[in-house]
Amino acid sequence: MRFSTFIIPILSFTLLIQGCGNDSSEETMVSTAEYTIMDTQGKSYSVEKRGGNFTLDAGKEKVVLFDIFATWCPPCRAEVQHLGNLQKKYGDKLIVMGLTIEEDKSNAELEAFRKKYKGGDYLIANKADNQKLSRAIASTIGVGQQFPIPLMVLYKNGQYVTHYSGATLEEIMDHDIAQALEK
């Protein structure tokens, strides 16, 4: 009787300290998810969430700027030309990926939106996992689920760099992209 009184607490303590598996505790505690988004041209992209980082499958070894927006939003409209300018300046070193939070826009309407506001040639994703991905990004950077738009989040090799809420000067984004590319 006395033996079990002594051994059970020791075994319980040992299991608590060591855990119940061969995986490292750090590895098993990282939140992961996979999102599929599709651009207005019909090309599908995969975004992997690992902890607080998001990796666009086409953006490995690049800087990725996710732009969460709506077509009715005046500051979002103002950002379109800046995003196009940045995409043109950095070419294949940067991927600007617009994520509309609207569910009722056709690809043609989004392309017309980008053209009307002189957005150049950056990507806009439509439908699929836009809402889920936008909320996951907002949640990991701490702006909550009722986040302001435009919300732009910059990643390098999937690692968080910085984010911008609301209208942001092109020069500020340009500076941060240039610094991220140097790392």
C-alpha atoms as a PDB file:
ATOM      1  CA  MET A   1       0.000   0.000   0.000  1.00  0.00           C
ATOM      2  CA  ARG A   2       2.738   2.362   0.953  1.00  0.00           C
ATOM      3  CA  PHE A   3       4.656   1.541  -2.265  1.00  0.00           C
ATOM      4  CA  SER A   4       1.788   2.672  -4.541  1.00  0.00           C
ATOM      5  CA  THR A   5       1.317   5.859  -2.554  1.00  0.00           C
ATOM      6  CA  PHE A   6       4.926   6.763  -3.245  1.00  0.00           C
ATOM      7  CA  ILE A   7       5.332   5.520  -6.864  1.00  0.00           C
ATOM      8  CA  ILE A   8       2.136   6.920  -8.418  1.00  0.00           C
ATOM      9  CA  PRO A   9       2.969  10.582  -7.710  1.00  0.00           C
ATOM     10  CA  ILE A  10       6.518  10.076  -9.026  1.00  0.00           C
ATOM     11  CA  LEU A  11       5.282   8.476 -12.274  1.00  0.00           C
ATOM     12  CA  SER A  12       2.684  11.191 -12.711  1.00  0.00           C
ATOM     13  CA  PHE A  13       5.311  13.879 -12.244  1.00  0.00           C
ATOM     14  CA  THR A  14       7.664  12.147 -14.721  1.00  0.00           C
ATOM     15  CA  LEU A  15       4.929  11.937 -17.396  1.00  0.00           C
ATOM     16  CA  LEU A  16       4.042  15.564 -16.825  1.00  0.00           C
ATOM     17  CA  ILE A  17       7.660  16.675 -17.322  1.00  0.00           C
ATOM     18  CA  GLN A  18       8.499  14.393 -20.278  1.00  0.00           C
ATOM     19  CA  GLY A  19       5.215  14.329 -22.172  1.00  0.00           C
ATOM     20  CA  CYS A  20       3.717  11.362 -23.973  1.00  0.00           C
ATOM     21  CA  GLY A  21       5.512  11.192 -27.297  1.00  0.00           C
ATOM     22  CA  ASN A  22       8.727  11.334 -29.211  1.00  0.00           C
ATOM     23  CA  ASP A  23       8.003  14.719 -30.871  1.00  0.00           C
ATOM     24  CA  SER A  24       9.597  17.749 -29.312  1.00  0.00           C
ATOM     25  CA  SER A  25       7.083  19.752 -27.310  1.00  0.00           C
ATOM     26  CA  GLU A  26       7.890  22.894 -29.322  1.00  0.00           C
ATOM     27  CA  GLU A  27       7.067  21.163 -32.610  1.00  0.00           C
ATOM     28  CA  THR A  28       3.727  19.734 -31.409  1.00  0.00           C
ATOM     29  CA  MET A  29       2.522  23.063 -30.026  1.00  0.00           C
ATOM     30  CA  VAL A  30       2.858  25.054 -33.297  1.00  0.00           C
ATOM     31  CA  SER A  31      -0.503  25.894 -34.876  1.00  0.00           C
ATOM     32  CA  THR A  32      -0.706  24.943 -38.547  1.00  0.00           C
ATOM     33  CA  ALA A  33      -3.293  25.351 -41.294  1.00  0.00           C
ATOM     34  CA  GLU A  34      -3.476  25.314 -45.081  1.00  0.00           C
ATOM     35  CA  TYR A  35      -5.498  27.774 -47.182  1.00  0.00           C
ATOM     36  CA  THR A  36      -6.272  27.692 -50.897  1.00  0.00           C
ATOM     37  CA  ILE A  37      -6.816  30.940 -52.741  1.00  0.00           C
ATOM     38  CA  MET A  38      -7.441  31.573 -56.436  1.00  0.00           C
ATOM     39  CA  ASP A  39      -6.516  34.674 -58.388  1.00  0.00           C
ATOM     40  CA  THR A  40      -8.800  36.402 -60.864  1.00  0.00           C
ATOM     41  CA  GLN A  41      -7.101  34.555 -63.738  1.00  0.00           C
ATOM     42  CA  GLY A  42      -8.019  31.162 -62.238  1.00  0.00           C
ATOM     43  CA  LYS A  43      -4.587  30.226 -60.879  1.00  0.00           C
ATOM     44  CA  SER A  44      -4.676  28.448 -57.528  1.00  0.00           C
ATOM     45  CA  TYR A  45      -2.238  29.205 -54.704  1.00  0.00           C
ATOM     46  CA  SER A  46      -1.608  27.498 -51.399  1.00  0.00           C
ATOM     47  CA  VAL A  47      -0.812  29.395 -48.199  1.00  0.00           C
ATOM     48  CA  GLU A  48       0.616  27.502 -45.245  1.00  0.00           C
ATOM     49  CA  LYS A  49       0.205  28.905 -41.742  1.00  0.00           C
ATOM     50  CA  ARG A  50       2.811  27.721 -39.271  1.00  0.00           C
ATOM     51  CA  GLY A  51       2.615  29.490 -35.944  1.00  0.00           C
ATOM     52  CA  GLY A  52       2.392  33.198 -36.752  1.00  0.00           C
ATOM     53  CA  ASN A  53       3.991  32.857 -40.185  1.00  0.00           C
ATOM     54  CA  PHE A  54       2.321  32.493 -43.583  1.00  0.00           C
ATOM     55  CA  THR A  55       4.070  31.068 -46.628  1.00  0.00           C
ATOM     56  CA  LEU A  56       2.620  31.513 -50.091  1.00  0.00           C
ATOM     57  CA  ASP A  57       3.685  28.531 -52.215  1.00  0.00           C
ATOM     58  CA  ALA A  58       4.762  30.844 -55.043  1.00  0.00           C
ATOM     59  CA  GLY A  59       6.492  33.187 -52.594  1.00  0.00           C
ATOM     60  CA  LYS A  60       9.273  31.050 -51.177  1.00  0.00           C
ATOM     61  CA  GLU A  61      12.522  33.029 -51.113  1.00  0.00           C
ATOM     62  CA  LYS A  62      10.525  36.196 -51.872  1.00  0.00           C
ATOM     63  CA  VAL A  63       8.808  39.019 -50.082  1.00  0.00           C
ATOM     64  CA  VAL A  64       5.017  38.632 -50.009  1.00  0.00           C
ATOM     65  CA  LEU A  65       2.652  41.494 -49.245  1.00  0.00           C
ATOM     66  CA  PHE A  66      -0.898  40.391 -48.454  1.00  0.00           C
ATOM     67  CA  ASP A  67      -3.349  43.265 -49.000  1.00  0.00           C
ATOM     68  CA  ILE A  68      -6.707  42.659 -47.294  1.00  0.00           C
ATOM     69  CA  PHE A  69      -9.216  45.043 -48.872  1.00  0.00           C
ATOM     70  CA  ALA A  70     -12.723  45.783 -50.163  1.00  0.00           C
ATOM     71  CA  THR A  71     -13.647  47.551 -53.396  1.00  0.00           C
ATOM     72  CA  TRP A  72     -16.020  49.985 -51.631  1.00  0.00           C
ATOM     73  CA  CYS A  73     -13.307  51.215 -49.209  1.00  0.00           C
ATOM     74  CA  PRO A  74     -11.804  54.646 -50.146  1.00  0.00           C
ATOM     75  CA  PRO A  75      -8.368  54.003 -48.522  1.00  0.00           C
ATOM     76  CA  CYS A  76      -8.277  50.593 -50.268  1.00  0.00           C
ATOM     77  CA  ARG A  77      -8.892  52.311 -53.589  1.00  0.00           C
ATOM     78  CA  ALA A  78      -6.063  54.745 -52.887  1.00  0.00           C
ATOM     79  CA  GLU A  79      -3.644  51.859 -52.160  1.00  0.00           C
ATOM     80  CA  VAL A  80      -4.199  50.128 -55.509  1.00  0.00           C
ATOM     81  CA  GLN A  81      -1.837  52.343 -57.498  1.00  0.00           C
ATOM     82  CA  HIS A  82       0.852  52.121 -54.778  1.00  0.00           C
ATOM     83  CA  LEU A  83       0.654  48.326 -54.776  1.00  0.00           C
ATOM     84  CA  GLY A  84       0.945  48.247 -58.554  1.00  0.00           C
ATOM     85  CA  ASN A  85       3.953  50.577 -58.430  1.00  0.00           C
ATOM     86  CA  LEU A  86       5.691  48.377 -55.848  1.00  0.00           C
ATOM     87  CA  GLN A  87       5.003  45.206 -57.834  1.00  0.00           C
ATOM     88  CA  LYS A  88       6.442  46.835 -60.948  1.00  0.00           C
ATOM     89  CA  LYS A  89       9.516  48.162 -59.096  1.00  0.00           C
ATOM     90  CA  TYR A  90      10.471  44.874 -57.420  1.00  0.00           C
ATOM     91  CA  GLY A  91       9.326  42.473 -60.145  1.00  0.00           C
ATOM     92  CA  ASP A  92       9.717  38.797 -59.272  1.00  0.00           C
ATOM     93  CA  LYS A  93      11.341  39.555 -55.883  1.00  0.00           C
ATOM     94  CA  LEU A  94       7.926  40.656 -54.560  1.00  0.00           C
ATOM     95  CA  ILE A  95       4.462  39.145 -54.735  1.00  0.00           C
ATOM     96  CA  VAL A  96       1.604  41.485 -53.923  1.00  0.00           C
ATOM     97  CA  MET A  97      -1.477  39.352 -53.247  1.00  0.00           C
ATOM     98  CA  GLY A  98      -4.747  41.219 -52.774  1.00  0.00           C
ATOM     99  CA  LEU A  99      -7.328  39.373 -50.662  1.00  0.00           C
ATOM    100  CA  THR A 100     -10.824  40.764 -51.086  1.00  0.00           C
ATOM    101  CA  ILE A 101     -13.089  40.339 -48.076  1.00  0.00           C
ATOM    102  CA  GLU A 102     -16.148  40.670 -50.303  1.00  0.00           C
ATOM    103  CA  GLU A 103     -17.940  37.470 -51.242  1.00  0.00           C
ATOM    104  CA  ASP A 104     -20.056  38.776 -54.098  1.00  0.00           C
ATOM    105  CA  LYS A 105     -17.474  40.189 -56.532  1.00  0.00           C
ATOM    106  CA  SER A 106     -16.782  38.531 -59.857  1.00  0.00           C
ATOM    107  CA  ASN A 107     -13.270  38.211 -61.239  1.00  0.00           C
ATOM    108  CA  ALA A 108     -14.205  40.717 -63.950  1.00  0.00           C
ATOM    109  CA  GLU A 109     -15.311  43.273 -61.334  1.00  0.00           C
ATOM    110  CA  LEU A 110     -12.046  42.887 -59.420  1.00  0.00           C
ATOM    111  CA  GLU A 111      -9.969  43.257 -62.570  1.00  0.00           C
ATOM    112  CA  ALA A 112     -11.977  46.376 -63.489  1.00  0.00           C
ATOM    113  CA  PHE A 113     -11.402  47.734 -59.957  1.00  0.00           C
ATOM    114  CA  ARG A 114      -7.640  47.266 -60.259  1.00  0.00           C
ATOM    115  CA  LYS A 115      -7.588  48.813 -63.740  1.00  0.00           C
ATOM    116  CA  LYS A 116      -9.773  51.796 -62.738  1.00  0.00           C
ATOM    117  CA  TYR A 117      -7.435  52.684 -59.853  1.00  0.00           C
ATOM    118  CA  LYS A 118      -4.289  52.099 -61.947  1.00  0.00           C
ATOM    119  CA  GLY A 119      -3.136  49.013 -60.039  1.00  0.00           C
ATOM    120  CA  GLY A 120      -0.753  47.650 -62.604  1.00  0.00           C
ATOM    121  CA  ASP A 121      -0.072  43.954 -62.554  1.00  0.00           C
ATOM    122  CA  TYR A 122      -0.383  42.502 -59.067  1.00  0.00           C
ATOM    123  CA  LEU A 123      -2.466  39.507 -58.044  1.00  0.00           C
ATOM    124  CA  ILE A 124      -5.940  39.624 -56.545  1.00  0.00           C
ATOM    125  CA  ALA A 125      -7.403  36.498 -54.991  1.00  0.00           C
ATOM    126  CA  ASN A 126     -11.128  35.943 -55.136  1.00  0.00           C
ATOM    127  CA  LYS A 127     -13.354  33.620 -53.115  1.00  0.00           C
ATOM    128  CA  ALA A 128     -12.063  30.246 -51.851  1.00  0.00           C
ATOM    129  CA  ASP A 129     -10.384  30.759 -48.459  1.00  0.00           C
ATOM    130  CA  ASN A 130     -10.020  34.572 -48.587  1.00  0.00           C
ATOM    131  CA  GLN A 131     -12.165  35.169 -45.499  1.00  0.00           C
ATOM    132  CA  LYS A 132     -10.523  32.425 -43.418  1.00  0.00           C
ATOM    133  CA  LEU A 133      -7.009  33.441 -44.476  1.00  0.00           C
ATOM    134  CA  SER A 134      -7.673  37.146 -43.842  1.00  0.00           C
ATOM    135  CA  ARG A 135      -8.996  36.415 -40.348  1.00  0.00           C
ATOM    136  CA  ALA A 136      -6.073  34.088 -39.567  1.00  0.00           C
ATOM    137  CA  ILE A 137      -3.544  36.723 -40.633  1.00  0.00           C
ATOM    138  CA  ALA A 138      -5.319  39.436 -38.627  1.00  0.00           C
ATOM    139  CA  SER A 139      -5.487  37.180 -35.593  1.00  0.00           C
ATOM    140  CA  THR A 140      -1.773  36.334 -35.629  1.00  0.00           C
ATOM    141  CA  ILE A 141      -0.687  39.983 -35.815  1.00  0.00           C
ATOM    142  CA  GLY A 142      -3.017  40.945 -32.984  1.00  0.00           C
ATOM    143  CA  VAL A 143      -5.456  43.313 -34.699  1.00  0.00           C
ATOM    144  CA  GLY A 144      -8.488  41.169 -33.891  1.00  0.00           C
ATOM    145  CA  GLN A 145     -11.356  39.965 -36.023  1.00  0.00           C
ATOM    146  CA  GLN A 146     -12.870  43.422 -36.576  1.00  0.00           C
ATOM    147  CA  PHE A 147      -9.683  44.711 -38.216  1.00  0.00           C
ATOM    148  CA  PRO A 148      -9.416  47.942 -40.216  1.00  0.00           C
ATOM    149  CA  ILE A 149      -8.961  47.826 -43.973  1.00  0.00           C
ATOM    150  CA  PRO A 150      -6.831  48.075 -45.897  1.00  0.00           C
ATOM    151  CA  LEU A 151      -4.684  45.760 -43.816  1.00  0.00           C
ATOM    152  CA  MET A 152      -1.380  44.934 -45.465  1.00  0.00           C
ATOM    153  CA  VAL A 153       0.990  42.359 -43.989  1.00  0.00           C
ATOM    154  CA  LEU A 154       4.557  41.831 -45.179  1.00  0.00           C
ATOM    155  CA  TYR A 155       6.367  38.464 -44.995  1.00  0.00           C
ATOM    156  CA  LYS A 156       9.841  37.384 -46.115  1.00  0.00           C
ATOM    157  CA  ASN A 157      10.280  33.636 -46.711  1.00  0.00           C
ATOM    158  CA  GLY A 158       7.033  33.169 -44.781  1.00  0.00           C
ATOM    159  CA  GLN A 159       8.339  35.061 -41.728  1.00  0.00           C
ATOM    160  CA  TYR A 160       6.393  38.081 -40.476  1.00  0.00           C
ATOM    161  CA  VAL A 161       8.134  41.415 -41.144  1.00  0.00           C
ATOM    162  CA  THR A 162       5.568  44.170 -40.446  1.00  0.00           C
ATOM    163  CA  HIS A 163       2.011  45.276 -41.145  1.00  0.00           C
ATOM    164  CA  TYR A 164       0.117  48.432 -42.037  1.00  0.00           C
ATOM    165  CA  SER A 165      -3.432  49.336 -40.993  1.00  0.00           C
ATOM    166  CA  GLY A 166      -5.284  51.914 -43.037  1.00  0.00           C
ATOM    167  CA  ALA A 167      -3.874  54.208 -45.696  1.00  0.00           C
ATOM    168  CA  THR A 168      -0.080  53.925 -45.830  1.00  0.00           C
ATOM    169  CA  LEU A 169       2.424  55.935 -47.818  1.00  0.00           C
ATOM    170  CA  GLU A 170       4.054  54.057 -50.678  1.00  0.00           C
ATOM    171  CA  GLU A 171       7.479  55.256 -49.492  1.00  0.00           C
ATOM    172  CA  ILE A 172       7.035  53.533 -46.129  1.00  0.00           C
ATOM    173  CA  MET A 173       6.117  50.208 -47.732  1.00  0.00           C
ATOM    174  CA  ASP A 174       8.934  50.623 -50.269  1.00  0.00           C
ATOM    175  CA  HIS A 175      11.474  51.147 -47.469  1.00  0.00           C
ATOM    176  CA  ASP A 176      10.283  48.061 -45.565  1.00  0.00           C
ATOM    177  CA  ILE A 177      10.290  45.881 -48.700  1.00  0.00           C
ATOM    178  CA  ALA A 178      13.830  46.992 -49.563  1.00  0.00           C
ATOM    179  CA  GLN A 179      15.016  46.185 -46.027  1.00  0.00           C
ATOM    180  CA  ALA A 180      13.321  42.769 -46.089  1.00  0.00           C
ATOM    181  CA  LEU A 181      15.003  41.946 -49.392  1.00  0.00           C
ATOM    182  CA  GLU A 182      18.432  42.763 -47.918  1.00  0.00           C
ATOM    183  CA  LYS A 183      18.002  40.219 -45.110  1.00  0.00           C
END
